[in-house]
Amino acid sequence: MKRWLILPLSLLALAACSGKPPTPKAEAAPAPRVATPFDDLKKQEQKAKDVQKVVDKQADEQRKQIDAAEQ
């Protein structure tokens, strides 16, 4: 074993056997949200989904009206 590894490894072993219980860490507040390049794409995608829902709803209502008029 290389001699230069003996000191760091022995310090690591001593630190691991110190006998101190680990201190409980308070839950850290979540990190603030960082803007990403995909944020605008996600907004556009959600807007497109919302528009599609409106179009589907209108098409369903129109279909019902046509069915009611045919009877």
PDB file of N, CA and C in Angstrom:
ATOM      1  N   MET A   1       0.837  -1.167   0.000  1.00  0.00           N
ATOM      2  CA  MET A   1       0.000   0.000   0.000  1.00  0.00           C
ATOM      3  C   MET A   1       0.890   1.240   0.000  1.00  0.00           C
ATOM      4  N   LYS A   2       0.453   2.226  -0.673  1.00  0.00           N
ATOM      5  CA  LYS A   2       1.255   3.449  -0.759  1.00  0.00           C
ATOM      6  C   LYS A   2       1.199   4.196   0.566  1.00  0.00           C
ATOM      7  N   ARG A   3       2.300   4.776   0.935  1.00  0.00           N
ATOM      8  CA  ARG A   3       2.391   5.451   2.221  1.00  0.00           C
ATOM      9  C   ARG A   3       1.535   6.707   2.279  1.00  0.00           C
ATOM     10  N   TRP A   4       1.329   7.356   1.175  1.00  0.00           N
ATOM     11  CA  TRP A   4       0.562   8.594   1.190  1.00  0.00           C
ATOM     12  C   TRP A   4      -0.922   8.340   1.424  1.00  0.00           C
ATOM     13  N   LEU A   5      -1.374   7.086   1.289  1.00  0.00           N
ATOM     14  CA  LEU A   5      -2.762   6.741   1.541  1.00  0.00           C
ATOM     15  C   LEU A   5      -3.026   6.404   3.008  1.00  0.00           C
ATOM     16  N   ILE A   6      -1.988   6.097   3.748  1.00  0.00           N
ATOM     17  CA  ILE A   6      -2.154   5.644   5.125  1.00  0.00           C
ATOM     18  C   ILE A   6      -2.776   6.733   6.003  1.00  0.00           C
ATOM     19  N   LEU A   7      -2.281   7.949   5.927  1.00  0.00           N
ATOM     20  CA  LEU A   7      -2.778   9.022   6.780  1.00  0.00           C
ATOM     21  C   LEU A   7      -4.247   9.359   6.476  1.00  0.00           C
ATOM     22  N   PRO A   8      -4.644   9.596   5.220  1.00  0.00           N
ATOM     23  CA  PRO A   8      -6.058   9.911   4.973  1.00  0.00           C
ATOM     24  C   PRO A   8      -6.997   8.768   5.351  1.00  0.00           C
ATOM     25  N   LEU A   9      -6.577   7.540   5.095  1.00  0.00           N
ATOM     26  CA  LEU A   9      -7.432   6.405   5.440  1.00  0.00           C
ATOM     27  C   LEU A   9      -7.567   6.231   6.942  1.00  0.00           C
ATOM     28  N   SER A  10      -6.495   6.471   7.679  1.00  0.00           N
ATOM     29  CA  SER A  10      -6.582   6.345   9.132  1.00  0.00           C
ATOM     30  C   SER A  10      -7.456   7.459   9.715  1.00  0.00           C
ATOM     31  N   LEU A  11      -7.363   8.670   9.165  1.00  0.00           N
ATOM     32  CA  LEU A  11      -8.231   9.756   9.626  1.00  0.00           C
ATOM     33  C   LEU A  11      -9.692   9.462   9.310  1.00  0.00           C
ATOM     34  N   LEU A  12      -9.921   8.882   8.182  1.00  0.00           N
ATOM     35  CA  LEU A  12     -11.282   8.515   7.808  1.00  0.00           C
ATOM     36  C   LEU A  12     -11.827   7.446   8.753  1.00  0.00           C
ATOM     37  N   ALA A  13     -11.011   6.482   9.087  1.00  0.00           N
ATOM     38  CA  ALA A  13     -11.437   5.429  10.005  1.00  0.00           C
ATOM     39  C   ALA A  13     -11.717   6.001  11.393  1.00  0.00           C
ATOM     40  N   LEU A  14     -10.885   6.910  11.861  1.00  0.00           N
ATOM     41  CA  LEU A  14     -11.104   7.525  13.168  1.00  0.00           C
ATOM     42  C   LEU A  14     -12.375   8.379  13.173  1.00  0.00           C
ATOM     43  N   ALA A  15     -12.631   9.063  12.089  1.00  0.00           N
ATOM     44  CA  ALA A  15     -13.832   9.892  12.020  1.00  0.00           C
ATOM     45  C   ALA A  15     -15.086   9.024  12.004  1.00  0.00           C
ATOM     46  N   ALA A  16     -15.007   7.875  11.368  1.00  0.00           N
ATOM     47  CA  ALA A  16     -16.165   6.987  11.305  1.00  0.00           C
ATOM     48  C   ALA A  16     -16.458   6.366  12.662  1.00  0.00           C
ATOM     49  N   CYS A  17     -15.461   6.237  13.503  1.00  0.00           N
ATOM     50  CA  CYS A  17     -15.644   5.598  14.806  1.00  0.00           C
ATOM     51  C   CYS A  17     -15.672   6.613  15.944  1.00  0.00           C
ATOM     52  N   SER A  18     -16.051   7.828  15.666  1.00  0.00           N
ATOM     53  CA  SER A  18     -15.999   8.861  16.698  1.00  0.00           C
ATOM     54  C   SER A  18     -17.030   8.641  17.793  1.00  0.00           C
ATOM     55  N   GLY A  19     -18.104   7.908  17.525  1.00  0.00           N
ATOM     56  CA  GLY A  19     -19.101   7.601  18.536  1.00  0.00           C
ATOM     57  C   GLY A  19     -20.150   8.684  18.698  1.00  0.00           C
ATOM     58  N   LYS A  20     -20.025   9.781  18.007  1.00  0.00           N
ATOM     59  CA  LYS A  20     -21.030  10.832  18.099  1.00  0.00           C
ATOM     60  C   LYS A  20     -22.230  10.448  17.244  1.00  0.00           C
ATOM     61  N   PRO A  21     -23.424  10.576  17.811  1.00  0.00           N
ATOM     62  CA  PRO A  21     -24.592  10.283  16.973  1.00  0.00           C
ATOM     63  C   PRO A  21     -24.742  11.373  15.922  1.00  0.00           C
ATOM     64  N   PRO A  22     -25.218  11.022  14.780  1.00  0.00           N
ATOM     65  CA  PRO A  22     -25.382  12.047  13.748  1.00  0.00           C
ATOM     66  C   PRO A  22     -26.427  13.067  14.183  1.00  0.00           C
ATOM     67  N   THR A  23     -26.141  14.309  13.913  1.00  0.00           N
ATOM     68  CA  THR A  23     -27.079  15.361  14.292  1.00  0.00           C
ATOM     69  C   THR A  23     -28.230  15.377  13.288  1.00  0.00           C
ATOM     70  N   PRO A  24     -29.451  15.424  13.806  1.00  0.00           N
ATOM     71  CA  PRO A  24     -30.580  15.469  12.873  1.00  0.00           C
ATOM     72  C   PRO A  24     -30.604  16.818  12.166  1.00  0.00           C
ATOM     73  N   LYS A  25     -30.731  16.738  10.875  1.00  0.00           N
ATOM     74  CA  LYS A  25     -30.765  17.967  10.090  1.00  0.00           C
ATOM     75  C   LYS A  25     -32.204  18.375   9.895  1.00  0.00           C
ATOM     76  N   ALA A  26     -32.448  19.640  10.091  1.00  0.00           N
ATOM     77  CA  ALA A  26     -33.789  20.163   9.837  1.00  0.00           C
ATOM     78  C   ALA A  26     -34.033  20.096   8.341  1.00  0.00           C
ATOM     79  N   GLU A  27     -35.273  19.847   7.977  1.00  0.00           N
ATOM     80  CA  GLU A  27     -35.581  19.765   6.558  1.00  0.00           C
ATOM     81  C   GLU A  27     -35.333  21.124   5.921  1.00  0.00           C
ATOM     82  N   ALA A  28     -34.535  21.087   4.913  1.00  0.00           N
ATOM     83  CA  ALA A  28     -34.219  22.327   4.216  1.00  0.00           C
ATOM     84  C   ALA A  28     -35.409  22.739   3.366  1.00  0.00           C
ATOM     85  N   ALA A  29     -35.578  24.012   3.256  1.00  0.00           N
ATOM     86  CA  ALA A  29     -36.653  24.523   2.399  1.00  0.00           C
ATOM     87  C   ALA A  29     -36.329  24.131   0.963  1.00  0.00           C
ATOM     88  N   PRO A  30     -37.346  23.816   0.185  1.00  0.00           N
ATOM     89  CA  PRO A  30     -37.063  23.439  -1.195  1.00  0.00           C
ATOM     90  C   PRO A  30     -36.377  24.598  -1.927  1.00  0.00           C
ATOM     91  N   ALA A  31     -35.483  24.227  -2.788  1.00  0.00           N
ATOM     92  CA  ALA A  31     -34.748  25.235  -3.538  1.00  0.00           C
ATOM     93  C   ALA A  31     -35.705  25.996  -4.444  1.00  0.00           C
ATOM     94  N   PRO A  32     -35.465  27.261  -4.612  1.00  0.00           N
ATOM     95  CA  PRO A  32     -36.349  28.023  -5.506  1.00  0.00           C
ATOM     96  C   PRO A  32     -36.264  27.469  -6.918  1.00  0.00           C
ATOM     97  N   ARG A  33     -37.376  27.551  -7.619  1.00  0.00           N
ATOM     98  CA  ARG A  33     -37.435  26.982  -8.954  1.00  0.00           C
ATOM     99  C   ARG A  33     -36.573  27.803  -9.898  1.00  0.00           C
ATOM    100  N   VAL A  34     -35.780  27.104 -10.680  1.00  0.00           N
ATOM    101  CA  VAL A  34     -34.902  27.754 -11.640  1.00  0.00           C
ATOM    102  C   VAL A  34     -35.535  27.612 -13.015  1.00  0.00           C
ATOM    103  N   ALA A  35     -35.571  28.690 -13.743  1.00  0.00           N
ATOM    104  CA  ALA A  35     -36.159  28.675 -15.086  1.00  0.00           C
ATOM    105  C   ALA A  35     -35.281  27.834 -16.015  1.00  0.00           C
ATOM    106  N   THR A  36     -35.939  27.062 -16.855  1.00  0.00           N
ATOM    107  CA  THR A  36     -35.224  26.244 -17.828  1.00  0.00           C
ATOM    108  C   THR A  36     -35.659  26.631 -19.228  1.00  0.00           C
ATOM    109  N   PRO A  37     -34.916  26.222 -20.228  1.00  0.00           N
ATOM    110  CA  PRO A  37     -35.303  26.541 -21.604  1.00  0.00           C
ATOM    111  C   PRO A  37     -36.611  25.866 -22.006  1.00  0.00           C
ATOM    112  N   PHE A  38     -37.025  24.851 -21.292  1.00  0.00           N
ATOM    113  CA  PHE A  38     -38.222  24.111 -21.658  1.00  0.00           C
ATOM    114  C   PHE A  38     -39.500  24.697 -21.059  1.00  0.00           C
ATOM    115  N   ASP A  39     -39.380  25.704 -20.204  1.00  0.00           N
ATOM    116  CA  ASP A  39     -40.563  26.290 -19.563  1.00  0.00           C
ATOM    117  C   ASP A  39     -41.541  26.846 -20.591  1.00  0.00           C
ATOM    118  N   ASP A  40     -41.024  27.588 -21.571  1.00  0.00           N
ATOM    119  CA  ASP A  40     -41.911  28.149 -22.588  1.00  0.00           C
ATOM    120  C   ASP A  40     -42.576  27.050 -23.406  1.00  0.00           C
ATOM    121  N   LEU A  41     -41.830  25.993 -23.689  1.00  0.00           N
ATOM    122  CA  LEU A  41     -42.413  24.880 -24.450  1.00  0.00           C
ATOM    123  C   LEU A  41     -43.521  24.196 -23.664  1.00  0.00           C
ATOM    124  N   LYS A  42     -43.322  24.042 -22.365  1.00  0.00           N
ATOM    125  CA  LYS A  42     -44.343  23.424 -21.523  1.00  0.00           C
ATOM    126  C   LYS A  42     -45.605  24.293 -21.470  1.00  0.00           C
ATOM    127  N   LYS A  43     -45.416  25.614 -21.392  1.00  0.00           N
ATOM    128  CA  LYS A  43     -46.567  26.519 -21.382  1.00  0.00           C
ATOM    129  C   LYS A  43     -47.342  26.408 -22.686  1.00  0.00           C
ATOM    130  N   GLN A  44     -46.621  26.362 -23.803  1.00  0.00           N
ATOM    131  CA  GLN A  44     -47.278  26.242 -25.103  1.00  0.00           C
ATOM    132  C   GLN A  44     -48.004  24.904 -25.223  1.00  0.00           C
ATOM    133  N   GLU A  45     -47.384  23.853 -24.708  1.00  0.00           N
ATOM    134  CA  GLU A  45     -48.009  22.532 -24.763  1.00  0.00           C
ATOM    135  C   GLU A  45     -49.298  22.512 -23.939  1.00  0.00           C
ATOM    136  N   GLN A  46     -49.263  23.112 -22.748  1.00  0.00           N
ATOM    137  CA  GLN A  46     -50.458  23.147 -21.905  1.00  0.00           C
ATOM    138  C   GLN A  46     -51.554  23.978 -22.553  1.00  0.00           C
ATOM    139  N   LYS A  47     -51.173  25.085 -23.178  1.00  0.00           N
ATOM    140  CA  LYS A  47     -52.158  25.921 -23.857  1.00  0.00           C
ATOM    141  C   LYS A  47     -52.807  25.151 -25.001  1.00  0.00           C
ATOM    142  N   ALA A  48     -51.998  24.391 -25.749  1.00  0.00           N
ATOM    143  CA  ALA A  48     -52.534  23.591 -26.850  1.00  0.00           C
ATOM    144  C   ALA A  48     -53.490  22.516 -26.334  1.00  0.00           C
ATOM    145  N   LYS A  49     -53.155  21.911 -25.203  1.00  0.00           N
ATOM    146  CA  LYS A  49     -54.049  20.902 -24.616  1.00  0.00           C
ATOM    147  C   LYS A  49     -55.372  21.532 -24.186  1.00  0.00           C
ATOM    148  N   ASP A  50     -55.294  22.725 -23.602  1.00  0.00           N
ATOM    149  CA  ASP A  50     -56.513  23.414 -23.173  1.00  0.00           C
ATOM    150  C   ASP A  50     -57.384  23.780 -24.371  1.00  0.00           C
ATOM    151  N   VAL A  51     -56.766  24.248 -25.448  1.00  0.00           N
ATOM    152  CA  VAL A  51     -57.515  24.586 -26.656  1.00  0.00           C
ATOM    153  C   VAL A  51     -58.162  23.332 -27.234  1.00  0.00           C
ATOM    154  N   GLN A  52     -57.423  22.227 -27.225  1.00  0.00           N
ATOM    155  CA  GLN A  52     -57.972  20.972 -27.764  1.00  0.00           C
ATOM    156  C   GLN A  52     -59.181  20.517 -26.952  1.00  0.00           C
ATOM    157  N   LYS A  53     -59.141  20.713 -25.646  1.00  0.00           N
ATOM    158  CA  LYS A  53     -60.288  20.352 -24.814  1.00  0.00           C
ATOM    159  C   LYS A  53     -61.515  21.169 -25.198  1.00  0.00           C
ATOM    160  N   VAL A  54     -61.320  22.468 -25.435  1.00  0.00           N
ATOM    161  CA  VAL A  54     -62.434  23.331 -25.832  1.00  0.00           C
ATOM    162  C   VAL A  54     -62.991  22.895 -27.178  1.00  0.00           C
ATOM    163  N   VAL A  55     -62.100  22.605 -28.120  1.00  0.00           N
ATOM    164  CA  VAL A  55     -62.533  22.178 -29.456  1.00  0.00           C
ATOM    165  C   VAL A  55     -63.287  20.857 -29.370  1.00  0.00           C
ATOM    166  N   ASP A  56     -62.785  19.921 -28.585  1.00  0.00           N
ATOM    167  CA  ASP A  56     -63.465  18.629 -28.425  1.00  0.00           C
ATOM    168  C   ASP A  56     -64.846  18.808 -27.802  1.00  0.00           C
ATOM    169  N   LYS A  57     -64.935  19.693 -26.827  1.00  0.00           N
ATOM    170  CA  LYS A  57     -66.226  19.943 -26.173  1.00  0.00           C
ATOM    171  C   LYS A  57     -67.218  20.553 -27.158  1.00  0.00           C
ATOM    172  N   GLN A  58     -66.771  21.516 -27.951  1.00  0.00           N
ATOM    173  CA  GLN A  58     -67.645  22.142 -28.933  1.00  0.00           C
ATOM    174  C   GLN A  58     -68.078  21.141 -30.010  1.00  0.00           C
ATOM    175  N   ALA A  59     -67.155  20.277 -30.424  1.00  0.00           N
ATOM    176  CA  ALA A  59     -67.492  19.274 -31.431  1.00  0.00           C
ATOM    177  C   ALA A  59     -68.509  18.288 -30.875  1.00  0.00           C
ATOM    178  N   ASP A  60     -68.381  17.930 -29.622  1.00  0.00           N
ATOM    179  CA  ASP A  60     -69.334  17.011 -28.998  1.00  0.00           C
ATOM    180  C   ASP A  60     -70.727  17.658 -28.911  1.00  0.00           C
ATOM    181  N   GLU A  61     -70.757  18.930 -28.536  1.00  0.00           N
ATOM    182  CA  GLU A  61     -72.040  19.632 -28.464  1.00  0.00           C
ATOM    183  C   GLU A  61     -72.679  19.738 -29.857  1.00  0.00           C
ATOM    184  N   GLN A  62     -71.878  20.015 -30.862  1.00  0.00           N
ATOM    185  CA  GLN A  62     -72.389  20.118 -32.224  1.00  0.00           C
ATOM    186  C   GLN A  62     -72.923  18.768 -32.709  1.00  0.00           C
ATOM    187  N   ARG A  63     -72.207  17.708 -32.365  1.00  0.00           N
ATOM    188  CA  ARG A  63     -72.646  16.356 -32.733  1.00  0.00           C
ATOM    189  C   ARG A  63     -73.999  16.034 -32.097  1.00  0.00           C
ATOM    190  N   LYS A  64     -74.150  16.428 -30.833  1.00  0.00           N
ATOM    191  CA  LYS A  64     -75.417  16.202 -30.135  1.00  0.00           C
ATOM    192  C   LYS A  64     -76.535  16.987 -30.777  1.00  0.00           C
ATOM    193  N   GLN A  65     -76.276  18.214 -31.186  1.00  0.00           N
ATOM    194  CA  GLN A  65     -77.282  19.033 -31.842  1.00  0.00           C
ATOM    195  C   GLN A  65     -77.696  18.426 -33.186  1.00  0.00           C
ATOM    196  N   ILE A  66     -76.718  17.920 -33.924  1.00  0.00           N
ATOM    197  CA  ILE A  66     -77.026  17.288 -35.219  1.00  0.00           C
ATOM    198  C   ILE A  66     -77.860  16.051 -35.010  1.00  0.00           C
ATOM    199  N   ASP A  67     -77.498  15.231 -34.020  1.00  0.00           N
ATOM    200  CA  ASP A  67     -78.254  14.021 -33.729  1.00  0.00           C
ATOM    201  C   ASP A  67     -79.688  14.365 -33.302  1.00  0.00           C
ATOM    202  N   ALA A  68     -79.843  15.416 -32.519  1.00  0.00           N
ATOM    203  CA  ALA A  68     -81.164  15.813 -32.061  1.00  0.00           C
ATOM    204  C   ALA A  68     -82.004  16.349 -33.232  1.00  0.00           C
ATOM    205  N   ALA A  69     -81.367  17.035 -34.170  1.00  0.00           N
ATOM    206  CA  ALA A  69     -82.104  17.585 -35.314  1.00  0.00           C
ATOM    207  C   ALA A  69     -82.539  16.494 -36.294  1.00  0.00           C
ATOM    208  N   GLU A  70     -81.757  15.398 -36.353  1.00  0.00           N
ATOM    209  CA  GLU A  70     -82.078  14.315 -37.275  1.00  0.00           C
ATOM    210  C   GLU A  70     -83.259  13.499 -36.781  1.00  0.00           C
ATOM    211  N   GLN A  71     -83.522  13.507 -35.537  1.00  0.00           N
ATOM    212  CA  GLN A  71     -84.601  12.670 -35.003  1.00  0.00           C
ATOM    213  C   GLN A  71     -85.909  13.317 -35.090  1.00  0.00           C
TER     214      GLN A  71
END
